Amino acid sequence: MNLRSAKIRPEMTYKVMDIFKLTFEKDSFGTVFDKGALDAVYPEDTPENKIKIENMFQSILDILNKNGEYICVSLL
């Protein structure tokens, strides 16, 4: 995606990360937009999936700044 959009959006970069262990610095973002990650991680209500979701949300909370927003587009 970096190569694909370099000519039309040179200021935009793409990174691949584990949603459970985001490596951005704390308080890095004002908004996290989730399109499908929650659906992929939480396909059914099981104790294992609940732990995954808690880890995912903690990871997101860590990178959001104090007044940050989490926006989720989901079918759940």
PDB file of N, CA and C in Angstrom:
ATOM      1  N   MET A   1       0.812  -1.188   0.000  1.00  0.00           N
ATOM      2  CA  MET A   1       0.000   0.000   0.000  1.00  0.00           C
ATOM      3  C   MET A   1       0.862   1.261   0.000  1.00  0.00           C
ATOM      4  N   ASN A   2       2.020   1.207   0.671  1.00  0.00           N
ATOM      5  CA  ASN A   2       2.902   2.372   0.654  1.00  0.00           C
ATOM      6  C   ASN A   2       3.306   2.729  -0.773  1.00  0.00           C
ATOM      7  N   LEU A   3       3.700   1.727  -1.548  1.00  0.00           N
ATOM      8  CA  LEU A   3       4.086   1.965  -2.945  1.00  0.00           C
ATOM      9  C   LEU A   3       2.896   2.417  -3.783  1.00  0.00           C
ATOM     10  N   ARG A   4       1.778   1.794  -3.550  1.00  0.00           N
ATOM     11  CA  ARG A   4       0.579   2.071  -4.336  1.00  0.00           C
ATOM     12  C   ARG A   4       0.080   3.510  -4.165  1.00  0.00           C
ATOM     13  N   SER A   5       0.171   4.039  -2.964  1.00  0.00           N
ATOM     14  CA  SER A   5      -0.373   5.375  -2.734  1.00  0.00           C
ATOM     15  C   SER A   5       0.692   6.467  -2.676  1.00  0.00           C
ATOM     16  N   ALA A   6       1.946   6.127  -2.891  1.00  0.00           N
ATOM     17  CA  ALA A   6       3.035   7.098  -2.767  1.00  0.00           C
ATOM     18  C   ALA A   6       2.857   8.317  -3.665  1.00  0.00           C
ATOM     19  N   LYS A   7       2.365   8.106  -4.871  1.00  0.00           N
ATOM     20  CA  LYS A   7       2.223   9.224  -5.811  1.00  0.00           C
ATOM     21  C   LYS A   7       1.026  10.116  -5.498  1.00  0.00           C
ATOM     22  N   ILE A   8      -0.050   9.527  -5.032  1.00  0.00           N
ATOM     23  CA  ILE A   8      -1.257  10.329  -4.806  1.00  0.00           C
ATOM     24  C   ILE A   8      -1.419  10.781  -3.347  1.00  0.00           C
ATOM     25  N   ARG A   9      -0.805  10.051  -2.408  1.00  0.00           N
ATOM     26  CA  ARG A   9      -0.879  10.418  -0.986  1.00  0.00           C
ATOM     27  C   ARG A   9       0.483  10.201  -0.321  1.00  0.00           C
ATOM     28  N   PRO A  10       1.477  10.983  -0.693  1.00  0.00           N
ATOM     29  CA  PRO A  10       2.826  10.738  -0.155  1.00  0.00           C
ATOM     30  C   PRO A  10       2.932  10.914   1.358  1.00  0.00           C
ATOM     31  N   GLU A  11       2.018  11.673   1.954  1.00  0.00           N
ATOM     32  CA  GLU A  11       2.060  11.885   3.404  1.00  0.00           C
ATOM     33  C   GLU A  11       1.459  10.716   4.186  1.00  0.00           C
ATOM     34  N   MET A  12       0.794   9.804   3.504  1.00  0.00           N
ATOM     35  CA  MET A  12       0.144   8.673   4.167  1.00  0.00           C
ATOM     36  C   MET A  12       1.061   7.443   4.124  1.00  0.00           C
ATOM     37  N   THR A  13       1.210   6.804   5.282  1.00  0.00           N
ATOM     38  CA  THR A  13       1.985   5.563   5.345  1.00  0.00           C
ATOM     39  C   THR A  13       1.132   4.467   5.971  1.00  0.00           C
ATOM     40  N   TYR A  14       1.485   3.256   5.675  1.00  0.00           N
ATOM     41  CA  TYR A  14       0.747   2.096   6.173  1.00  0.00           C
ATOM     42  C   TYR A  14       1.702   1.227   6.969  1.00  0.00           C
ATOM     43  N   LYS A  15       1.206   0.688   8.063  1.00  0.00           N
ATOM     44  CA  LYS A  15       2.012  -0.192   8.909  1.00  0.00           C
ATOM     45  C   LYS A  15       1.226  -1.459   9.206  1.00  0.00           C
ATOM     46  N   VAL A  16       1.937  -2.551   9.326  1.00  0.00           N
ATOM     47  CA  VAL A  16       1.331  -3.825   9.688  1.00  0.00           C
ATOM     48  C   VAL A  16       1.739  -4.124  11.128  1.00  0.00           C
ATOM     49  N   MET A  17       0.724  -4.374  11.972  1.00  0.00           N
ATOM     50  CA  MET A  17       0.991  -4.654  13.381  1.00  0.00           C
ATOM     51  C   MET A  17      -0.002  -5.664  13.919  1.00  0.00           C
ATOM     52  N   ASP A  18       0.341  -6.199  15.048  1.00  0.00           N
ATOM     53  CA  ASP A  18      -0.537  -7.085  15.792  1.00  0.00           C
ATOM     54  C   ASP A  18      -1.487  -6.208  16.610  1.00  0.00           C
ATOM     55  N   ILE A  19      -2.786  -6.341  16.396  1.00  0.00           N
ATOM     56  CA  ILE A  19      -3.775  -5.494  17.079  1.00  0.00           C
ATOM     57  C   ILE A  19      -3.711  -5.659  18.599  1.00  0.00           C
ATOM     58  N   PHE A  20      -3.150  -6.759  19.063  1.00  0.00           N
ATOM     59  CA  PHE A  20      -3.060  -7.011  20.495  1.00  0.00           C
ATOM     60  C   PHE A  20      -1.797  -6.415  21.112  1.00  0.00           C
ATOM     61  N   LYS A  21      -0.839  -6.015  20.270  1.00  0.00           N
ATOM     62  CA  LYS A  21       0.429  -5.463  20.753  1.00  0.00           C
ATOM     63  C   LYS A  21       0.864  -4.316  19.839  1.00  0.00           C
ATOM     64  N   LEU A  22       0.092  -3.257  19.822  1.00  0.00           N
ATOM     65  CA  LEU A  22       0.434  -2.122  18.976  1.00  0.00           C
ATOM     66  C   LEU A  22       1.725  -1.483  19.477  1.00  0.00           C
ATOM     67  N   THR A  23       2.593  -1.108  18.553  1.00  0.00           N
ATOM     68  CA  THR A  23       3.903  -0.578  18.936  1.00  0.00           C
ATOM     69  C   THR A  23       4.006   0.938  18.815  1.00  0.00           C
ATOM     70  N   PHE A  24       2.892   1.604  18.597  1.00  0.00           N
ATOM     71  CA  PHE A  24       2.901   3.065  18.599  1.00  0.00           C
ATOM     72  C   PHE A  24       3.143   3.555  20.020  1.00  0.00           C
ATOM     73  N   GLU A  25       3.645   4.773  20.135  1.00  0.00           N
ATOM     74  CA  GLU A  25       3.856   5.352  21.463  1.00  0.00           C
ATOM     75  C   GLU A  25       2.514   5.633  22.132  1.00  0.00           C
ATOM     76  N   LYS A  26       2.516   5.629  23.451  1.00  0.00           N
ATOM     77  CA  LYS A  26       1.296   5.953  24.207  1.00  0.00           C
ATOM     78  C   LYS A  26       0.790   7.334  23.816  1.00  0.00           C
ATOM     79  N   ASP A  27      -0.525   7.485  23.815  1.00  0.00           N
ATOM     80  CA  ASP A  27      -1.176   8.761  23.535  1.00  0.00           C
ATOM     81  C   ASP A  27      -0.836   9.327  22.151  1.00  0.00           C
ATOM     82  N   SER A  28      -0.616   8.459  21.175  1.00  0.00           N
ATOM     83  CA  SER A  28      -0.197   8.887  19.840  1.00  0.00           C
ATOM     84  C   SER A  28      -1.329   9.379  18.953  1.00  0.00           C
ATOM     85  N   PHE A  29      -2.564   8.955  19.218  1.00  0.00           N
ATOM     86  CA  PHE A  29      -3.646   9.213  18.283  1.00  0.00           C
ATOM     87  C   PHE A  29      -4.867   9.833  18.952  1.00  0.00           C
ATOM     88  N   GLY A  30      -5.552  10.653  18.181  1.00  0.00           N
ATOM     89  CA  GLY A  30      -6.808  11.232  18.620  1.00  0.00           C
ATOM     90  C   GLY A  30      -7.989  10.386  18.204  1.00  0.00           C
ATOM     91  N   THR A  31      -7.789   9.534  17.190  1.00  0.00           N
ATOM     92  CA  THR A  31      -8.857   8.673  16.693  1.00  0.00           C
ATOM     93  C   THR A  31      -8.290   7.340  16.241  1.00  0.00           C
ATOM     94  N   VAL A  32      -8.980   6.276  16.589  1.00  0.00           N
ATOM     95  CA  VAL A  32      -8.705   4.946  16.044  1.00  0.00           C
ATOM     96  C   VAL A  32      -9.971   4.511  15.329  1.00  0.00           C
ATOM     97  N   PHE A  33      -9.848   4.203  14.054  1.00  0.00           N
ATOM     98  CA  PHE A  33     -10.977   3.780  13.232  1.00  0.00           C
ATOM     99  C   PHE A  33     -10.851   2.284  12.966  1.00  0.00           C
ATOM    100  N   ASP A  34     -11.829   1.530  13.395  1.00  0.00           N
ATOM    101  CA  ASP A  34     -11.836   0.072  13.268  1.00  0.00           C
ATOM    102  C   ASP A  34     -12.901  -0.327  12.253  1.00  0.00           C
ATOM    103  N   LYS A  35     -12.466  -0.873  11.134  1.00  0.00           N
ATOM    104  CA  LYS A  35     -13.418  -1.377  10.146  1.00  0.00           C
ATOM    105  C   LYS A  35     -13.194  -2.872   9.988  1.00  0.00           C
ATOM    106  N   GLY A  36     -13.827  -3.629  10.846  1.00  0.00           N
ATOM    107  CA  GLY A  36     -13.790  -5.074  10.719  1.00  0.00           C
ATOM    108  C   GLY A  36     -12.888  -5.816  11.682  1.00  0.00           C
ATOM    109  N   ALA A  37     -12.004  -5.117  12.387  1.00  0.00           N
ATOM    110  CA  ALA A  37     -11.107  -5.825  13.316  1.00  0.00           C
ATOM    111  C   ALA A  37     -11.894  -6.497  14.439  1.00  0.00           C
ATOM    112  N   LEU A  38     -12.844  -5.786  14.999  1.00  0.00           N
ATOM    113  CA  LEU A  38     -13.649  -6.361  16.080  1.00  0.00           C
ATOM    114  C   LEU A  38     -14.402  -7.599  15.596  1.00  0.00           C
ATOM    115  N   ASP A  39     -14.968  -7.532  14.407  1.00  0.00           N
ATOM    116  CA  ASP A  39     -15.679  -8.695  13.847  1.00  0.00           C
ATOM    117  C   ASP A  39     -14.748  -9.887  13.675  1.00  0.00           C
ATOM    118  N   ALA A  40     -13.527  -9.622  13.232  1.00  0.00           N
ATOM    119  CA  ALA A  40     -12.578 -10.704  12.983  1.00  0.00           C
ATOM    120  C   ALA A  40     -12.089 -11.351  14.277  1.00  0.00           C
ATOM    121  N   VAL A  41     -11.911 -10.546  15.309  1.00  0.00           N
ATOM    122  CA  VAL A  41     -11.378 -11.045  16.584  1.00  0.00           C
ATOM    123  C   VAL A  41     -12.460 -11.678  17.443  1.00  0.00           C
ATOM    124  N   TYR A  42     -13.691 -11.236  17.260  1.00  0.00           N
ATOM    125  CA  TYR A  42     -14.772 -11.663  18.144  1.00  0.00           C
ATOM    126  C   TYR A  42     -15.918 -12.296  17.359  1.00  0.00           C
ATOM    127  N   PRO A  43     -15.646 -13.418  16.657  1.00  0.00           N
ATOM    128  CA  PRO A  43     -16.703 -14.033  15.847  1.00  0.00           C
ATOM    129  C   PRO A  43     -17.784 -14.725  16.672  1.00  0.00           C
ATOM    130  N   GLU A  44     -17.425 -15.135  17.887  1.00  0.00           N
ATOM    131  CA  GLU A  44     -18.420 -15.761  18.766  1.00  0.00           C
ATOM    132  C   GLU A  44     -18.069 -15.465  20.219  1.00  0.00           C
ATOM    133  N   ASP A  45     -19.069 -15.547  21.070  1.00  0.00           N
ATOM    134  CA  ASP A  45     -18.939 -15.202  22.477  1.00  0.00           C
ATOM    135  C   ASP A  45     -18.376 -16.383  23.259  1.00  0.00           C
ATOM    136  N   THR A  46     -17.039 -16.421  23.364  1.00  0.00           N
ATOM    137  CA  THR A  46     -16.377 -17.463  24.145  1.00  0.00           C
ATOM    138  C   THR A  46     -15.445 -16.793  25.154  1.00  0.00           C
ATOM    139  N   PRO A  47     -15.103 -17.481  26.228  1.00  0.00           N
ATOM    140  CA  PRO A  47     -14.166 -16.887  27.197  1.00  0.00           C
ATOM    141  C   PRO A  47     -12.828 -16.505  26.563  1.00  0.00           C
ATOM    142  N   GLU A  48     -12.333 -17.336  25.653  1.00  0.00           N
ATOM    143  CA  GLU A  48     -11.062 -17.037  24.976  1.00  0.00           C
ATOM    144  C   GLU A  48     -11.166 -15.751  24.158  1.00  0.00           C
ATOM    145  N   ASN A  49     -12.263 -15.598  23.434  1.00  0.00           N
ATOM    146  CA  ASN A  49     -12.448 -14.396  22.616  1.00  0.00           C
ATOM    147  C   ASN A  49     -12.639 -13.152  23.473  1.00  0.00           C
ATOM    148  N   LYS A  50     -13.276 -13.295  24.626  1.00  0.00           N
ATOM    149  CA  LYS A  50     -13.439 -12.148  25.524  1.00  0.00           C
ATOM    150  C   LYS A  50     -12.077 -11.642  25.998  1.00  0.00           C
ATOM    151  N   ILE A  51     -11.156 -12.539  26.277  1.00  0.00           N
ATOM    152  CA  ILE A  51      -9.794 -12.148  26.680  1.00  0.00           C
ATOM    153  C   ILE A  51      -9.101 -11.435  25.522  1.00  0.00           C
ATOM    154  N   LYS A  52      -9.272 -11.955  24.303  1.00  0.00           N
ATOM    155  CA  LYS A  52      -8.684 -11.302  23.131  1.00  0.00           C
ATOM    156  C   LYS A  52      -9.204  -9.883  22.974  1.00  0.00           C
ATOM    157  N   ILE A  53     -10.514  -9.715  23.143  1.00  0.00           N
ATOM    158  CA  ILE A  53     -11.131  -8.398  23.003  1.00  0.00           C
ATOM    159  C   ILE A  53     -10.625  -7.443  24.082  1.00  0.00           C
ATOM    160  N   GLU A  54     -10.510  -7.921  25.308  1.00  0.00           N
ATOM    161  CA  GLU A  54      -9.982  -7.074  26.376  1.00  0.00           C
ATOM    162  C   GLU A  54      -8.566  -6.610  26.041  1.00  0.00           C
ATOM    163  N   ASN A  55      -7.743  -7.519  25.519  1.00  0.00           N
ATOM    164  CA  ASN A  55      -6.376  -7.168  25.129  1.00  0.00           C
ATOM    165  C   ASN A  55      -6.371  -6.173  23.974  1.00  0.00           C
ATOM    166  N   MET A  56      -7.253  -6.376  23.004  1.00  0.00           N
ATOM    167  CA  MET A  56      -7.344  -5.471  21.864  1.00  0.00           C
ATOM    168  C   MET A  56      -7.729  -4.067  22.325  1.00  0.00           C
ATOM    169  N   PHE A  57      -8.765  -3.963  23.159  1.00  0.00           N
ATOM    170  CA  PHE A  57      -9.205  -2.651  23.625  1.00  0.00           C
ATOM    171  C   PHE A  57      -8.157  -1.981  24.508  1.00  0.00           C
ATOM    172  N   GLN A  58      -7.442  -2.751  25.310  1.00  0.00           N
ATOM    173  CA  GLN A  58      -6.376  -2.145  26.124  1.00  0.00           C
ATOM    174  C   GLN A  58      -5.279  -1.595  25.227  1.00  0.00           C
ATOM    175  N   SER A  59      -4.948  -2.322  24.189  1.00  0.00           N
ATOM    176  CA  SER A  59      -3.944  -1.865  23.230  1.00  0.00           C
ATOM    177  C   SER A  59      -4.379  -0.567  22.565  1.00  0.00           C
ATOM    178  N   ILE A  60      -5.652  -0.489  22.198  1.00  0.00           N
ATOM    179  CA  ILE A  60      -6.197   0.721  21.573  1.00  0.00           C
ATOM    180  C   ILE A  60      -6.209   1.873  22.573  1.00  0.00           C
ATOM    181  N   LEU A  61      -6.646   1.612  23.798  1.00  0.00           N
ATOM    182  CA  LEU A  61      -6.665   2.658  24.825  1.00  0.00           C
ATOM    183  C   LEU A  61      -5.269   3.210  25.087  1.00  0.00           C
ATOM    184  N   ASP A  62      -4.270   2.350  25.019  1.00  0.00           N
ATOM    185  CA  ASP A  62      -2.892   2.782  25.264  1.00  0.00           C
ATOM    186  C   ASP A  62      -2.419   3.808  24.241  1.00  0.00           C
ATOM    187  N   ILE A  63      -2.851   3.679  22.988  1.00  0.00           N
ATOM    188  CA  ILE A  63      -2.351   4.599  21.955  1.00  0.00           C
ATOM    189  C   ILE A  63      -3.231   5.828  21.762  1.00  0.00           C
ATOM    190  N   LEU A  64      -4.458   5.791  22.308  1.00  0.00           N
ATOM    191  CA  LEU A  64      -5.340   6.957  22.204  1.00  0.00           C
ATOM    192  C   LEU A  64      -4.927   8.027  23.210  1.00  0.00           C
ATOM    193  N   ASN A  65      -5.016   9.284  22.784  1.00  0.00           N
ATOM    194  CA  ASN A  65      -4.737  10.349  23.739  1.00  0.00           C
ATOM    195  C   ASN A  65      -5.924  10.534  24.685  1.00  0.00           C
ATOM    196  N   LYS A  66      -5.799  11.446  25.618  1.00  0.00           N
ATOM    197  CA  LYS A  66      -6.780  11.618  26.694  1.00  0.00           C
ATOM    198  C   LYS A  66      -8.217  11.784  26.187  1.00  0.00           C
ATOM    199  N   ASN A  67      -8.410  12.546  25.147  1.00  0.00           N
ATOM    200  CA  ASN A  67      -9.747  12.793  24.608  1.00  0.00           C
ATOM    201  C   ASN A  67      -9.988  12.015  23.312  1.00  0.00           C
ATOM    202  N   GLY A  68      -9.238  10.958  23.116  1.00  0.00           N
ATOM    203  CA  GLY A  68      -9.327  10.193  21.880  1.00  0.00           C
ATOM    204  C   GLY A  68     -10.646   9.464  21.694  1.00  0.00           C
ATOM    205  N   GLU A  69     -10.910   9.124  20.442  1.00  0.00           N
ATOM    206  CA  GLU A  69     -12.143   8.423  20.086  1.00  0.00           C
ATOM    207  C   GLU A  69     -11.827   7.096  19.396  1.00  0.00           C
ATOM    208  N   TYR A  70     -12.608   6.091  19.706  1.00  0.00           N
ATOM    209  CA  TYR A  70     -12.556   4.806  19.026  1.00  0.00           C
ATOM    210  C   TYR A  70     -13.828   4.717  18.197  1.00  0.00           C
ATOM    211  N   ILE A  71     -13.686   4.621  16.889  1.00  0.00           N
ATOM    212  CA  ILE A  71     -14.835   4.523  15.994  1.00  0.00           C
ATOM    213  C   ILE A  71     -14.819   3.136  15.382  1.00  0.00           C
ATOM    214  N   CYS A  72     -15.923   2.422  15.523  1.00  0.00           N
ATOM    215  CA  CYS A  72     -16.001   1.042  15.060  1.00  0.00           C
ATOM    216  C   CYS A  72     -17.151   0.867  14.075  1.00  0.00           C
ATOM    217  N   VAL A  73     -16.836   0.311  12.909  1.00  0.00           N
ATOM    218  CA  VAL A  73     -17.833  -0.079  11.934  1.00  0.00           C
ATOM    219  C   VAL A  73     -17.876  -1.599  12.003  1.00  0.00           C
ATOM    220  N   SER A  74     -18.997  -2.133  12.470  1.00  0.00           N
ATOM    221  CA  SER A  74     -19.081  -3.558  12.768  1.00  0.00           C
ATOM    222  C   SER A  74     -20.447  -4.126  12.438  1.00  0.00           C
ATOM    223  N   LEU A  75     -20.480  -5.419  12.235  1.00  0.00           N
ATOM    224  CA  LEU A  75     -21.750  -6.115  12.044  1.00  0.00           C
ATOM    225  C   LEU A  75     -22.215  -6.811  13.323  1.00  0.00           C
ATOM    226  N   LEU A  76     -21.426  -6.684  14.400  1.00  0.00           N
ATOM    227  CA  LEU A  76     -21.772  -7.346  15.665  1.00  0.00           C
ATOM    228  C   LEU A  76     -22.993  -6.757  16.281  1.00  0.00           C
TER     229      LEU A  76
END
